[in-house]
Every structure is written in structure tokens, then in C-alpha cells.
Amino acid sequence: MPKITFLPIETEIEVSEGTTILEAALDHNIPLNHNCGGNCACSTCHIVVEEGYESLGKVYDDEADMLEEASGLTAFSRLACRCQVQEDVVVRIPEPARI
């Protein structure tokens, strides 16, 4: 099973393949904002992928459009609601996305 490591809280969890990072965070009480409920209609679940970026699949137009609204955007930014985990990843939850 793939693992997600959440920074800066230093929490590692195992998830089933295909689970989104947002689903995993919610299932394990990890504080990650998600104002639209995971429907890719906001940018509040913005994360920065520190390891495993390529394994999360393509960034589609709807996600790219929402990411433009994210605070602290980087080249490795994604929306947690759109990232389906296939392999181990390390993600950082930026300050605005922490609840």
C-alpha cells in the first residue's frame, strides 16, 4: 500500500491505491482545508508535493485553473482533491490550507 507523508506535521499514513490525498487527510483527521468539499471548485486544499509528484498523474485544466488562485503557488503545487495516490508521496500543507 502506498504511503503519504504529511508535512509539517510529520505524519505518515498508508492508503489504498487510488485514494485522493484529501480523502486520506480527512479519514485520518489531518487538518487540510477543503471549502468546496473536494469538488475542484476552490483552491483551499492546495498542497506542495515534495516527493512523488510524477506519480500523481496529469494536472487537468479544471485543476490548473483553480491552482492559479492558490496562495504560495509553486511548480509542484497540486490540489489534494485531485491527486490519486499510486505510489509513496511526501506533501507539505502550506499555512493557508491548514485548519
N, C-alpha and C. Protein backbone atom coordinates (compact mmCIF):
# COMPACT_ATOMS: atom_id res chain seq x y z
N MET A 1 0.83 -1.19 0.00
CA MET A 1 0.00 0.00 0.00
C MET A 1 0.88 1.25 0.00
N PRO A 2 0.48 2.25 -0.80
CA PRO A 2 1.26 3.49 -0.83
C PRO A 2 1.15 4.26 0.48
N LYS A 3 2.16 5.07 0.74
CA LYS A 3 2.19 5.90 1.95
C LYS A 3 2.18 7.37 1.56
N ILE A 4 1.50 8.15 2.38
CA ILE A 4 1.54 9.61 2.25
C ILE A 4 2.17 10.15 3.52
N THR A 5 3.18 10.98 3.36
CA THR A 5 3.76 11.69 4.49
C THR A 5 3.32 13.13 4.40
N PHE A 6 2.67 13.61 5.46
CA PHE A 6 2.19 14.98 5.52
C PHE A 6 3.16 15.81 6.35
N LEU A 7 3.63 16.89 5.76
CA LEU A 7 4.50 17.85 6.44
C LEU A 7 3.71 19.14 6.60
N PRO A 8 3.93 19.94 7.56
CA PRO A 8 4.99 19.87 8.56
C PRO A 8 4.63 19.03 9.78
N ILE A 9 3.51 18.34 9.76
CA ILE A 9 3.08 17.62 10.96
C ILE A 9 3.76 16.26 11.13
N GLU A 10 4.59 15.88 10.13
CA GLU A 10 5.38 14.65 10.23
C GLU A 10 4.51 13.42 10.50
N THR A 11 3.41 13.31 9.75
CA THR A 11 2.50 12.18 9.90
C THR A 11 2.53 11.34 8.63
N GLU A 12 2.73 10.03 8.79
CA GLU A 12 2.76 9.12 7.65
C GLU A 12 1.60 8.13 7.78
N ILE A 13 0.86 7.96 6.68
CA ILE A 13 -0.26 7.03 6.69
C ILE A 13 -0.20 6.15 5.45
N GLU A 14 -0.77 4.96 5.55
CA GLU A 14 -0.92 4.07 4.40
C GLU A 14 -2.33 4.20 3.88
N VAL A 15 -2.45 4.18 2.54
CA VAL A 15 -3.76 4.30 1.91
C VAL A 15 -3.88 3.29 0.77
N SER A 16 -5.10 3.03 0.37
CA SER A 16 -5.32 2.18 -0.80
C SER A 16 -4.97 2.96 -2.05
N GLU A 17 -4.45 2.28 -3.05
CA GLU A 17 -4.16 2.91 -4.33
C GLU A 17 -5.43 3.56 -4.87
N GLY A 18 -5.30 4.77 -5.40
CA GLY A 18 -6.43 5.49 -5.97
C GLY A 18 -7.12 6.44 -5.00
N THR A 19 -6.75 6.36 -3.72
CA THR A 19 -7.30 7.29 -2.72
C THR A 19 -6.75 8.68 -3.00
N THR A 20 -7.60 9.70 -2.91
CA THR A 20 -7.07 11.05 -3.08
C THR A 20 -6.39 11.49 -1.78
N ILE A 21 -5.49 12.44 -1.93
CA ILE A 21 -4.79 12.95 -0.75
C ILE A 21 -5.78 13.61 0.20
N LEU A 22 -6.78 14.29 -0.34
CA LEU A 22 -7.79 14.90 0.53
C LEU A 22 -8.58 13.83 1.29
N GLU A 23 -9.01 12.79 0.62
CA GLU A 23 -9.73 11.70 1.30
C GLU A 23 -8.89 11.11 2.43
N ALA A 24 -7.62 10.89 2.14
CA ALA A 24 -6.72 10.32 3.15
C ALA A 24 -6.59 11.25 4.35
N ALA A 25 -6.44 12.55 4.08
CA ALA A 25 -6.32 13.52 5.18
C ALA A 25 -7.58 13.51 6.03
N LEU A 26 -8.73 13.54 5.40
CA LEU A 26 -9.99 13.57 6.15
C LEU A 26 -10.19 12.29 6.95
N ASP A 27 -9.85 11.14 6.36
CA ASP A 27 -10.02 9.85 7.04
C ASP A 27 -9.10 9.70 8.25
N HIS A 28 -8.01 10.48 8.28
CA HIS A 28 -7.03 10.34 9.36
C HIS A 28 -6.91 11.60 10.22
N ASN A 29 -7.95 12.44 10.15
CA ASN A 29 -8.00 13.66 10.98
C ASN A 29 -6.79 14.58 10.81
N ILE A 30 -6.31 14.66 9.58
CA ILE A 30 -5.20 15.56 9.27
C ILE A 30 -5.80 16.89 8.83
N PRO A 31 -5.43 17.98 9.46
CA PRO A 31 -6.05 19.27 9.17
C PRO A 31 -5.69 19.81 7.78
N LEU A 32 -6.63 19.69 6.86
CA LEU A 32 -6.45 20.18 5.48
C LEU A 32 -7.75 20.83 5.04
N ASN A 33 -7.68 22.11 4.74
CA ASN A 33 -8.86 22.85 4.33
C ASN A 33 -9.47 22.27 3.05
N HIS A 34 -10.78 22.39 2.91
CA HIS A 34 -11.47 21.86 1.73
C HIS A 34 -12.86 22.50 1.61
N ASN A 35 -12.86 23.80 1.38
CA ASN A 35 -14.11 24.56 1.39
C ASN A 35 -15.17 24.06 0.43
N CYS A 36 -14.78 23.53 -0.72
CA CYS A 36 -15.77 23.09 -1.71
C CYS A 36 -16.13 21.62 -1.55
N GLY A 37 -15.59 20.97 -0.54
CA GLY A 37 -15.92 19.57 -0.31
C GLY A 37 -15.21 18.62 -1.25
N GLY A 38 -14.13 19.05 -1.87
CA GLY A 38 -13.35 18.17 -2.75
C GLY A 38 -13.87 18.10 -4.17
N ASN A 39 -14.52 19.17 -4.63
CA ASN A 39 -15.11 19.19 -5.97
C ASN A 39 -14.31 20.00 -6.98
N CYS A 40 -13.10 20.36 -6.65
CA CYS A 40 -12.23 21.15 -7.53
C CYS A 40 -12.89 22.48 -7.92
N ALA A 41 -13.56 23.09 -6.94
CA ALA A 41 -14.23 24.36 -7.18
C ALA A 41 -13.59 25.50 -6.37
N CYS A 42 -12.48 25.22 -5.71
CA CYS A 42 -11.75 26.24 -4.97
C CYS A 42 -10.28 25.80 -4.93
N SER A 43 -9.47 26.54 -4.23
CA SER A 43 -8.05 26.17 -4.14
C SER A 43 -7.61 25.95 -2.71
N THR A 44 -8.56 25.74 -1.81
CA THR A 44 -8.22 25.68 -0.39
C THR A 44 -7.50 24.41 0.02
N CYS A 45 -7.54 23.34 -0.78
CA CYS A 45 -6.82 22.11 -0.45
C CYS A 45 -5.46 22.05 -1.14
N HIS A 46 -4.92 23.23 -1.45
CA HIS A 46 -3.62 23.34 -2.10
C HIS A 46 -2.53 22.69 -1.25
N ILE A 47 -1.73 21.85 -1.89
CA ILE A 47 -0.58 21.21 -1.25
C ILE A 47 0.63 21.38 -2.15
N VAL A 48 1.81 21.19 -1.59
CA VAL A 48 3.05 21.18 -2.36
C VAL A 48 3.63 19.78 -2.25
N VAL A 49 3.84 19.15 -3.40
CA VAL A 49 4.34 17.77 -3.43
C VAL A 49 5.86 17.82 -3.41
N GLU A 50 6.44 17.30 -2.34
CA GLU A 50 7.90 17.32 -2.19
C GLU A 50 8.57 16.08 -2.74
N GLU A 51 7.85 14.96 -2.77
CA GLU A 51 8.36 13.72 -3.37
C GLU A 51 7.19 12.98 -4.00
N GLY A 52 7.41 12.44 -5.20
CA GLY A 52 6.40 11.63 -5.85
C GLY A 52 5.45 12.39 -6.77
N TYR A 53 5.80 13.61 -7.15
CA TYR A 53 4.93 14.45 -7.97
C TYR A 53 4.47 13.74 -9.25
N GLU A 54 5.39 13.10 -9.94
CA GLU A 54 5.08 12.47 -11.22
C GLU A 54 4.08 11.33 -11.08
N SER A 55 4.05 10.69 -9.92
CA SER A 55 3.17 9.54 -9.73
C SER A 55 1.71 9.95 -9.55
N LEU A 56 1.44 11.23 -9.39
CA LEU A 56 0.08 11.68 -9.12
C LEU A 56 -0.74 11.96 -10.38
N GLY A 57 -0.16 11.75 -11.53
CA GLY A 57 -0.90 11.92 -12.78
C GLY A 57 -0.91 13.35 -13.27
N LYS A 58 -1.60 13.52 -14.36
CA LYS A 58 -1.66 14.78 -15.09
C LYS A 58 -2.50 15.82 -14.34
N VAL A 59 -2.10 17.08 -14.48
CA VAL A 59 -2.90 18.20 -13.98
C VAL A 59 -3.85 18.59 -15.12
N TYR A 60 -5.14 18.37 -14.92
CA TYR A 60 -6.13 18.72 -15.94
C TYR A 60 -6.50 20.19 -15.83
N ASP A 61 -7.16 20.71 -16.87
CA ASP A 61 -7.47 22.13 -16.95
C ASP A 61 -8.24 22.66 -15.74
N ASP A 62 -9.21 21.90 -15.24
CA ASP A 62 -10.00 22.39 -14.10
C ASP A 62 -9.12 22.60 -12.88
N GLU A 63 -8.19 21.68 -12.65
CA GLU A 63 -7.27 21.83 -11.52
C GLU A 63 -6.30 22.99 -11.76
N ALA A 64 -5.77 23.08 -12.97
CA ALA A 64 -4.83 24.16 -13.30
C ALA A 64 -5.50 25.52 -13.10
N ASP A 65 -6.76 25.65 -13.49
CA ASP A 65 -7.48 26.91 -13.32
C ASP A 65 -7.63 27.26 -11.84
N MET A 66 -7.97 26.29 -11.02
CA MET A 66 -8.13 26.53 -9.59
C MET A 66 -6.79 26.82 -8.91
N LEU A 67 -5.73 26.14 -9.36
CA LEU A 67 -4.41 26.36 -8.77
C LEU A 67 -3.95 27.80 -8.95
N GLU A 68 -4.38 28.46 -10.01
CA GLU A 68 -3.99 29.86 -10.23
C GLU A 68 -4.45 30.76 -9.09
N GLU A 69 -5.46 30.32 -8.34
CA GLU A 69 -5.99 31.09 -7.21
C GLU A 69 -5.28 30.78 -5.90
N ALA A 70 -4.44 29.75 -5.88
CA ALA A 70 -3.80 29.30 -4.64
C ALA A 70 -2.73 30.27 -4.17
N SER A 71 -2.69 30.45 -2.87
CA SER A 71 -1.65 31.27 -2.25
C SER A 71 -0.36 30.44 -2.14
N GLY A 72 0.77 31.03 -2.52
CA GLY A 72 2.05 30.33 -2.40
C GLY A 72 2.27 29.27 -3.46
N LEU A 73 1.73 29.46 -4.64
CA LEU A 73 1.84 28.51 -5.74
C LEU A 73 3.30 28.22 -6.10
N THR A 74 3.61 26.93 -6.32
CA THR A 74 4.95 26.52 -6.74
C THR A 74 4.82 25.62 -7.96
N ALA A 75 5.95 25.23 -8.54
CA ALA A 75 5.95 24.32 -9.68
C ALA A 75 5.45 22.93 -9.29
N PHE A 76 5.42 22.64 -7.99
CA PHE A 76 5.00 21.32 -7.51
C PHE A 76 3.69 21.39 -6.72
N SER A 77 2.91 22.44 -6.97
CA SER A 77 1.62 22.59 -6.32
C SER A 77 0.58 21.71 -6.99
N ARG A 78 -0.31 21.18 -6.17
CA ARG A 78 -1.46 20.39 -6.64
C ARG A 78 -2.63 20.66 -5.70
N LEU A 79 -3.81 20.22 -6.13
CA LEU A 79 -4.97 20.24 -5.25
C LEU A 79 -5.13 18.84 -4.70
N ALA A 80 -5.22 18.73 -3.39
CA ALA A 80 -5.31 17.42 -2.74
C ALA A 80 -6.53 16.63 -3.19
N CYS A 81 -7.58 17.32 -3.60
CA CYS A 81 -8.80 16.63 -4.04
C CYS A 81 -8.63 15.97 -5.41
N ARG A 82 -7.59 16.30 -6.13
CA ARG A 82 -7.38 15.75 -7.48
C ARG A 82 -6.21 14.78 -7.58
N CYS A 83 -5.49 14.59 -6.50
CA CYS A 83 -4.30 13.73 -6.53
C CYS A 83 -4.65 12.33 -6.04
N GLN A 84 -4.69 11.37 -6.95
CA GLN A 84 -4.92 9.98 -6.57
C GLN A 84 -3.58 9.30 -6.38
N VAL A 85 -3.39 8.77 -5.20
CA VAL A 85 -2.11 8.19 -4.81
C VAL A 85 -1.93 6.81 -5.45
N GLN A 86 -0.80 6.64 -6.11
CA GLN A 86 -0.43 5.36 -6.72
C GLN A 86 0.85 4.80 -6.09
N GLU A 87 1.70 5.73 -5.64
CA GLU A 87 2.99 5.38 -5.04
C GLU A 87 3.19 6.28 -3.81
N ASP A 88 4.25 6.04 -3.07
CA ASP A 88 4.55 6.86 -1.90
C ASP A 88 4.76 8.32 -2.32
N VAL A 89 4.21 9.23 -1.52
CA VAL A 89 4.38 10.66 -1.75
C VAL A 89 4.64 11.38 -0.44
N VAL A 90 5.30 12.52 -0.56
CA VAL A 90 5.51 13.42 0.58
C VAL A 90 4.91 14.75 0.17
N VAL A 91 3.98 15.25 0.99
CA VAL A 91 3.32 16.52 0.67
C VAL A 91 3.42 17.48 1.84
N ARG A 92 3.52 18.75 1.50
CA ARG A 92 3.55 19.80 2.51
C ARG A 92 2.22 20.54 2.43
N ILE A 93 1.61 20.74 3.59
CA ILE A 93 0.38 21.51 3.67
C ILE A 93 0.78 22.94 4.00
N PRO A 94 0.64 23.87 3.04
CA PRO A 94 1.01 25.26 3.32
C PRO A 94 0.10 25.88 4.39
N GLU A 95 0.58 26.91 5.02
CA GLU A 95 -0.16 27.57 6.10
C GLU A 95 -1.62 27.89 5.72
N PRO A 96 -1.91 28.47 4.56
CA PRO A 96 -3.31 28.81 4.27
C PRO A 96 -4.24 27.58 4.19
N ALA A 97 -3.70 26.41 3.92
CA ALA A 97 -4.53 25.22 3.77
C ALA A 97 -4.72 24.46 5.08
N ARG A 98 -4.01 24.87 6.12
CA ARG A 98 -4.16 24.20 7.40
C ARG A 98 -5.37 24.75 8.15
N ILE A 99 -6.13 23.83 8.74
CA ILE A 99 -7.29 24.27 9.53
C ILE A 99 -7.04 24.03 11.00
